[in-house]
């Protein structure tokens, strides 16, 4: 059954075929987990929230209304809502986690250029973690999930043009912040002064 197309698996799942839902689960669980992990920064919470996404999807699959949107967009919206609730309930800052590998490059006999690259990467992640949630979501969908602007627009409920504009403004804000900290020197205790508005 794993060779059936999404539309057929979805139709069967809507009719109550749990094996068909299992096929959809296998296809999308990795992408949804990655999305949630980058929004929470915690493997255990990401696993828990991913489980909740698919439990909620299974519970409501019979009410699913296609409306020309891909099934993945529905899953991402469920994930987005659960992550937003998780952040609100935990009163945590939305962060993209630092890579363990980056921290380890500061130690040992690495050439100076490798240490500088690691420091630059670390600083970039620090800048990104202070972006507003919609801009973090955009970057995750674009660079982690490799989705097109049109697909991201469907997931975020915006037009493709609005996504292009948000992406452009986000890149400018990151570039300006990185340029500013290079000129002034980075103060690790102060959050970057990024654009918070649309």
C-alpha atoms as a PDB file:
ATOM      1  CA  UNK A   1       0.000   0.000   0.000  1.00  0.00           C
ATOM      2  CA  UNK A   2       2.989   2.320   0.426  1.00  0.00           C
ATOM      3  CA  UNK A   3       3.066   2.960  -3.324  1.00  0.00           C
ATOM      4  CA  UNK A   4      -0.350   4.670  -3.483  1.00  0.00           C
ATOM      5  CA  UNK A   5      -0.529   8.424  -4.141  1.00  0.00           C
ATOM      6  CA  UNK A   6      -1.395  10.910  -1.397  1.00  0.00           C
ATOM      7  CA  UNK A   7      -4.844  11.672  -2.821  1.00  0.00           C
ATOM      8  CA  UNK A   8      -5.847   8.015  -2.852  1.00  0.00           C
ATOM      9  CA  UNK A   9      -4.420   7.385   0.618  1.00  0.00           C
ATOM     10  CA  UNK A  10      -6.217  10.476   1.877  1.00  0.00           C
ATOM     11  CA  UNK A  11      -9.557   9.381   0.395  1.00  0.00           C
ATOM     12  CA  UNK A  12      -9.173   5.951   1.992  1.00  0.00           C
ATOM     13  CA  UNK A  13      -8.162   7.487   5.330  1.00  0.00           C
ATOM     14  CA  UNK A  14     -11.227   9.749   5.268  1.00  0.00           C
ATOM     15  CA  UNK A  15     -13.328   6.602   4.822  1.00  0.00           C
ATOM     16  CA  UNK A  16     -11.735   5.136   7.967  1.00  0.00           C
ATOM     17  CA  UNK A  17      -8.898   3.078   6.485  1.00  0.00           C
ATOM     18  CA  UNK A  18      -6.250   3.230   9.216  1.00  0.00           C
ATOM     19  CA  UNK A  19      -3.633   1.543   7.032  1.00  0.00           C
ATOM     20  CA  UNK A  20      -4.018   4.374   4.506  1.00  0.00           C
ATOM     21  CA  UNK A  21      -3.608   6.908   7.313  1.00  0.00           C
ATOM     22  CA  UNK A  22      -0.473   5.004   8.328  1.00  0.00           C
ATOM     23  CA  UNK A  23       0.925   5.546   4.828  1.00  0.00           C
ATOM     24  CA  UNK A  24       0.341   9.294   5.162  1.00  0.00           C
ATOM     25  CA  UNK A  25       1.889   9.221   8.625  1.00  0.00           C
ATOM     26  CA  UNK A  26       5.045   7.552   7.306  1.00  0.00           C
ATOM     27  CA  UNK A  27       5.327  10.107   4.496  1.00  0.00           C
ATOM     28  CA  UNK A  28       4.964  13.203   6.656  1.00  0.00           C
ATOM     29  CA  UNK A  29       6.092  12.362  10.196  1.00  0.00           C
ATOM     30  CA  UNK A  30       9.731  13.321   9.526  1.00  0.00           C
ATOM     31  CA  UNK A  31       8.866  16.696   8.017  1.00  0.00           C
ATOM     32  CA  UNK A  32       6.410  17.558  10.781  1.00  0.00           C
ATOM     33  CA  UNK A  33       8.876  16.475  13.477  1.00  0.00           C
ATOM     34  CA  UNK A  34      11.646  18.631  11.948  1.00  0.00           C
ATOM     35  CA  UNK A  35       9.338  21.621  11.739  1.00  0.00           C
ATOM     36  CA  UNK A  36       8.286  21.264  15.379  1.00  0.00           C
ATOM     37  CA  UNK A  37      11.836  20.587  16.566  1.00  0.00           C
ATOM     38  CA  UNK A  38      13.125  23.782  14.984  1.00  0.00           C
ATOM     39  CA  UNK A  39      10.276  25.729  16.584  1.00  0.00           C
ATOM     40  CA  UNK A  40      10.707  24.247  20.086  1.00  0.00           C
ATOM     41  CA  UNK A  41      14.398  23.338  20.281  1.00  0.00           C
ATOM     42  CA  UNK A  42      13.619  20.266  22.340  1.00  0.00           C
ATOM     43  CA  UNK A  43      13.588  16.687  21.038  1.00  0.00           C
ATOM     44  CA  UNK A  44      11.204  15.378  23.704  1.00  0.00           C
ATOM     45  CA  UNK A  45       8.669  18.149  23.238  1.00  0.00           C
ATOM     46  CA  UNK A  46       8.984  17.808  19.454  1.00  0.00           C
ATOM     47  CA  UNK A  47       8.252  14.076  19.702  1.00  0.00           C
ATOM     48  CA  UNK A  48       5.266  14.717  21.964  1.00  0.00           C
ATOM     49  CA  UNK A  49       3.849  17.482  19.772  1.00  0.00           C
ATOM     50  CA  UNK A  50       4.399  15.449  16.586  1.00  0.00           C
ATOM     51  CA  UNK A  51       2.429  12.607  18.161  1.00  0.00           C
ATOM     52  CA  UNK A  52      -0.338  15.073  19.016  1.00  0.00           C
ATOM     53  CA  UNK A  53      -0.413  16.443  15.455  1.00  0.00           C
ATOM     54  CA  UNK A  54      -1.060  13.003  14.008  1.00  0.00           C
ATOM     55  CA  UNK A  55      -3.470  12.019  16.766  1.00  0.00           C
ATOM     56  CA  UNK A  56      -5.479  15.168  16.080  1.00  0.00           C
ATOM     57  CA  UNK A  57      -5.297  14.564  12.322  1.00  0.00           C
ATOM     58  CA  UNK A  58      -6.522  10.981  12.761  1.00  0.00           C
ATOM     59  CA  UNK A  59      -9.338  12.122  15.038  1.00  0.00           C
ATOM     60  CA  UNK A  60     -10.509  14.796  12.566  1.00  0.00           C
ATOM     61  CA  UNK A  61      -9.642  13.188   9.212  1.00  0.00           C
ATOM     62  CA  UNK A  62     -13.309  12.552   8.411  1.00  0.00           C
ATOM     63  CA  UNK A  63     -13.935  16.310   8.616  1.00  0.00           C
ATOM     64  CA  UNK A  64     -10.998  17.094   6.323  1.00  0.00           C
ATOM     65  CA  UNK A  65     -12.076  19.372   3.478  1.00  0.00           C
ATOM     66  CA  UNK A  66      -9.652  19.242   0.533  1.00  0.00           C
ATOM     67  CA  UNK A  67     -10.320  22.789  -0.870  1.00  0.00           C
ATOM     68  CA  UNK A  68      -7.422  22.321  -3.292  1.00  0.00           C
ATOM     69  CA  UNK A  69      -4.816  22.455  -0.520  1.00  0.00           C
ATOM     70  CA  UNK A  70      -2.275  19.670  -0.036  1.00  0.00           C
ATOM     71  CA  UNK A  71      -2.694  17.355   2.941  1.00  0.00           C
ATOM     72  CA  UNK A  72       0.714  18.514   4.215  1.00  0.00           C
ATOM     73  CA  UNK A  73      -0.597  22.091   4.568  1.00  0.00           C
ATOM     74  CA  UNK A  74      -3.306  20.810   6.925  1.00  0.00           C
ATOM     75  CA  UNK A  75      -0.690  18.964   9.004  1.00  0.00           C
ATOM     76  CA  UNK A  76       1.568  22.037   9.170  1.00  0.00           C
ATOM     77  CA  UNK A  77      -1.343  24.171  10.348  1.00  0.00           C
ATOM     78  CA  UNK A  78      -2.150  21.691  13.106  1.00  0.00           C
ATOM     79  CA  UNK A  79       1.549  21.670  14.051  1.00  0.00           C
ATOM     80  CA  UNK A  80       1.722  25.472  13.989  1.00  0.00           C
ATOM     81  CA  UNK A  81      -1.273  25.765  16.323  1.00  0.00           C
ATOM     82  CA  UNK A  82       0.077  23.169  18.757  1.00  0.00           C
ATOM     83  CA  UNK A  83       3.513  24.848  18.823  1.00  0.00           C
ATOM     84  CA  UNK A  84       1.907  28.252  19.425  1.00  0.00           C
ATOM     85  CA  UNK A  85      -0.083  26.786  22.335  1.00  0.00           C
ATOM     86  CA  UNK A  86       3.065  25.081  23.659  1.00  0.00           C
ATOM     87  CA  UNK A  87       4.967  28.376  23.673  1.00  0.00           C
ATOM     88  CA  UNK A  88       2.075  30.221  25.283  1.00  0.00           C
ATOM     89  CA  UNK A  89       1.597  27.550  27.942  1.00  0.00           C
ATOM     90  CA  UNK A  90       5.294  27.392  28.736  1.00  0.00           C
ATOM     91  CA  UNK A  91       5.942  31.134  28.358  1.00  0.00           C
ATOM     92  CA  UNK A  92       9.077  30.320  26.436  1.00  0.00           C
ATOM     93  CA  UNK A  93      10.804  32.285  23.729  1.00  0.00           C
ATOM     94  CA  UNK A  94      10.494  30.685  20.296  1.00  0.00           C
ATOM     95  CA  UNK A  95      13.983  29.536  19.412  1.00  0.00           C
ATOM     96  CA  UNK A  96      15.854  27.649  16.780  1.00  0.00           C
ATOM     97  CA  UNK A  97      18.249  25.325  18.638  1.00  0.00           C
ATOM     98  CA  UNK A  98      21.996  25.600  18.289  1.00  0.00           C
ATOM     99  CA  UNK A  99      23.673  22.689  16.608  1.00  0.00           C
ATOM    100  CA  UNK A 100      25.716  20.550  19.024  1.00  0.00           C
ATOM    101  CA  UNK A 101      28.355  20.207  16.311  1.00  0.00           C
ATOM    102  CA  UNK A 102      28.862  23.953  16.223  1.00  0.00           C
ATOM    103  CA  UNK A 103      29.572  24.182  19.905  1.00  0.00           C
ATOM    104  CA  UNK A 104      32.084  21.356  19.709  1.00  0.00           C
ATOM    105  CA  UNK A 105      34.131  23.121  17.024  1.00  0.00           C
ATOM    106  CA  UNK A 106      35.214  25.710  19.565  1.00  0.00           C
ATOM    107  CA  UNK A 107      37.320  23.074  21.284  1.00  0.00           C
ATOM    108  CA  UNK A 108      40.193  21.011  19.987  1.00  0.00           C
ATOM    109  CA  UNK A 109      42.781  21.513  17.297  1.00  0.00           C
ATOM    110  CA  UNK A 110      40.664  23.090  14.560  1.00  0.00           C
ATOM    111  CA  UNK A 111      42.240  25.673  12.293  1.00  0.00           C
ATOM    112  CA  UNK A 112      41.398  29.282  13.070  1.00  0.00           C
ATOM    113  CA  UNK A 113      39.220  29.576   9.941  1.00  0.00           C
ATOM    114  CA  UNK A 114      37.002  26.710  11.165  1.00  0.00           C
ATOM    115  CA  UNK A 115      36.578  28.358  14.556  1.00  0.00           C
ATOM    116  CA  UNK A 116      35.648  31.659  12.858  1.00  0.00           C
ATOM    117  CA  UNK A 117      33.093  29.896  10.644  1.00  0.00           C
ATOM    118  CA  UNK A 118      31.585  28.234  13.705  1.00  0.00           C
ATOM    119  CA  UNK A 119      31.376  31.581  15.515  1.00  0.00           C
ATOM    120  CA  UNK A 120      29.686  33.196  12.516  1.00  0.00           C
ATOM    121  CA  UNK A 121      27.202  30.324  12.257  1.00  0.00           C
ATOM    122  CA  UNK A 122      26.515  30.552  16.000  1.00  0.00           C
ATOM    123  CA  UNK A 123      25.864  34.281  15.687  1.00  0.00           C
ATOM    124  CA  UNK A 124      23.536  33.767  12.705  1.00  0.00           C
ATOM    125  CA  UNK A 125      21.476  31.245  14.686  1.00  0.00           C
ATOM    126  CA  UNK A 126      21.344  33.697  17.597  1.00  0.00           C
ATOM    127  CA  UNK A 127      20.006  36.410  15.284  1.00  0.00           C
ATOM    128  CA  UNK A 128      17.409  34.036  13.810  1.00  0.00           C
ATOM    129  CA  UNK A 129      16.149  32.934  17.197  1.00  0.00           C
ATOM    130  CA  UNK A 130      15.107  36.536  17.958  1.00  0.00           C
ATOM    131  CA  UNK A 131      13.039  36.869  14.799  1.00  0.00           C
ATOM    132  CA  UNK A 132       9.255  37.019  15.198  1.00  0.00           C
ATOM    133  CA  UNK A 133       7.598  33.570  15.039  1.00  0.00           C
ATOM    134  CA  UNK A 134       6.203  34.027  11.514  1.00  0.00           C
ATOM    135  CA  UNK A 135       9.683  34.807  10.178  1.00  0.00           C
ATOM    136  CA  UNK A 136      11.193  31.810  11.967  1.00  0.00           C
ATOM    137  CA  UNK A 137       8.427  29.651  10.499  1.00  0.00           C
ATOM    138  CA  UNK A 138       9.143  30.985   7.014  1.00  0.00           C
ATOM    139  CA  UNK A 139      12.867  30.217   7.282  1.00  0.00           C
ATOM    140  CA  UNK A 140      12.210  26.700   8.611  1.00  0.00           C
ATOM    141  CA  UNK A 141       9.749  25.896   5.826  1.00  0.00           C
ATOM    142  CA  UNK A 142      12.100  27.311   3.178  1.00  0.00           C
ATOM    143  CA  UNK A 143      15.496  26.019   4.320  1.00  0.00           C
ATOM    144  CA  UNK A 144      14.694  22.937   6.410  1.00  0.00           C
ATOM    145  CA  UNK A 145      11.689  21.582   4.523  1.00  0.00           C
ATOM    146  CA  UNK A 146      12.752  23.096   1.156  1.00  0.00           C
ATOM    147  CA  UNK A 147       9.207  24.219   0.279  1.00  0.00           C
ATOM    148  CA  UNK A 148       8.382  26.688  -2.481  1.00  0.00           C
ATOM    149  CA  UNK A 149       6.945  30.149  -1.762  1.00  0.00           C
ATOM    150  CA  UNK A 150       3.551  28.928  -3.006  1.00  0.00           C
ATOM    151  CA  UNK A 151       3.588  25.940  -0.631  1.00  0.00           C
ATOM    152  CA  UNK A 152       4.689  28.141   2.264  1.00  0.00           C
ATOM    153  CA  UNK A 153       1.881  30.573   1.431  1.00  0.00           C
ATOM    154  CA  UNK A 154      -0.681  27.778   1.694  1.00  0.00           C
ATOM    155  CA  UNK A 155       0.683  26.669   5.068  1.00  0.00           C
ATOM    156  CA  UNK A 156       0.924  30.192   6.497  1.00  0.00           C
ATOM    157  CA  UNK A 157      -2.369  31.363   4.996  1.00  0.00           C
ATOM    158  CA  UNK A 158      -0.789  34.086   2.833  1.00  0.00           C
ATOM    159  CA  UNK A 159      -0.406  34.772  -0.847  1.00  0.00           C
ATOM    160  CA  UNK A 160       2.775  33.804  -2.665  1.00  0.00           C
ATOM    161  CA  UNK A 161       3.530  37.516  -3.101  1.00  0.00           C
ATOM    162  CA  UNK A 162       3.166  38.128   0.635  1.00  0.00           C
ATOM    163  CA  UNK A 163       5.584  35.270   1.334  1.00  0.00           C
ATOM    164  CA  UNK A 164       8.127  36.709  -1.120  1.00  0.00           C
ATOM    165  CA  UNK A 165       7.818  40.093   0.566  1.00  0.00           C
ATOM    166  CA  UNK A 166       8.141  38.642   4.076  1.00  0.00           C
ATOM    167  CA  UNK A 167      11.159  36.588   2.957  1.00  0.00           C
ATOM    168  CA  UNK A 168      12.824  39.675   1.463  1.00  0.00           C
ATOM    169  CA  UNK A 169      12.213  41.759   4.607  1.00  0.00           C
ATOM    170  CA  UNK A 170      13.472  38.912   6.791  1.00  0.00           C
ATOM    171  CA  UNK A 171      16.717  38.602   4.826  1.00  0.00           C
ATOM    172  CA  UNK A 172      17.237  42.373   4.971  1.00  0.00           C
ATOM    173  CA  UNK A 173      16.683  42.368   8.741  1.00  0.00           C
ATOM    174  CA  UNK A 174      19.180  39.532   9.195  1.00  0.00           C
ATOM    175  CA  UNK A 175      21.729  41.191   6.893  1.00  0.00           C
ATOM    176  CA  UNK A 176      21.364  44.533   8.677  1.00  0.00           C
ATOM    177  CA  UNK A 177      21.719  42.920  12.097  1.00  0.00           C
ATOM    178  CA  UNK A 178      24.770  40.911  11.074  1.00  0.00           C
ATOM    179  CA  UNK A 179      26.349  44.013   9.526  1.00  0.00           C
ATOM    180  CA  UNK A 180      25.556  46.128  12.578  1.00  0.00           C
ATOM    181  CA  UNK A 181      27.094  43.662  15.026  1.00  0.00           C
ATOM    182  CA  UNK A 182      30.225  43.375  12.897  1.00  0.00           C
ATOM    183  CA  UNK A 183      30.630  47.145  13.101  1.00  0.00           C
ATOM    184  CA  UNK A 184      29.807  47.506  16.800  1.00  0.00           C
ATOM    185  CA  UNK A 185      30.905  44.107  18.107  1.00  0.00           C
ATOM    186  CA  UNK A 186      28.439  41.599  19.438  1.00  0.00           C
ATOM    187  CA  UNK A 187      26.987  41.974  22.923  1.00  0.00           C
ATOM    188  CA  UNK A 188      25.844  38.456  23.822  1.00  0.00           C
ATOM    189  CA  UNK A 189      23.573  39.687  26.625  1.00  0.00           C
ATOM    190  CA  UNK A 190      21.486  41.936  24.373  1.00  0.00           C
ATOM    191  CA  UNK A 191      18.961  40.598  21.868  1.00  0.00           C
ATOM    192  CA  UNK A 192      19.437  41.815  18.313  1.00  0.00           C
ATOM    193  CA  UNK A 193      17.406  44.844  17.254  1.00  0.00           C
ATOM    194  CA  UNK A 194      15.352  43.157  14.529  1.00  0.00           C
ATOM    195  CA  UNK A 195      12.263  44.408  12.770  1.00  0.00           C
ATOM    196  CA  UNK A 196       9.280  42.992  14.637  1.00  0.00           C
ATOM    197  CA  UNK A 197       6.522  44.320  12.435  1.00  0.00           C
ATOM    198  CA  UNK A 198       5.213  43.307   9.072  1.00  0.00           C
END
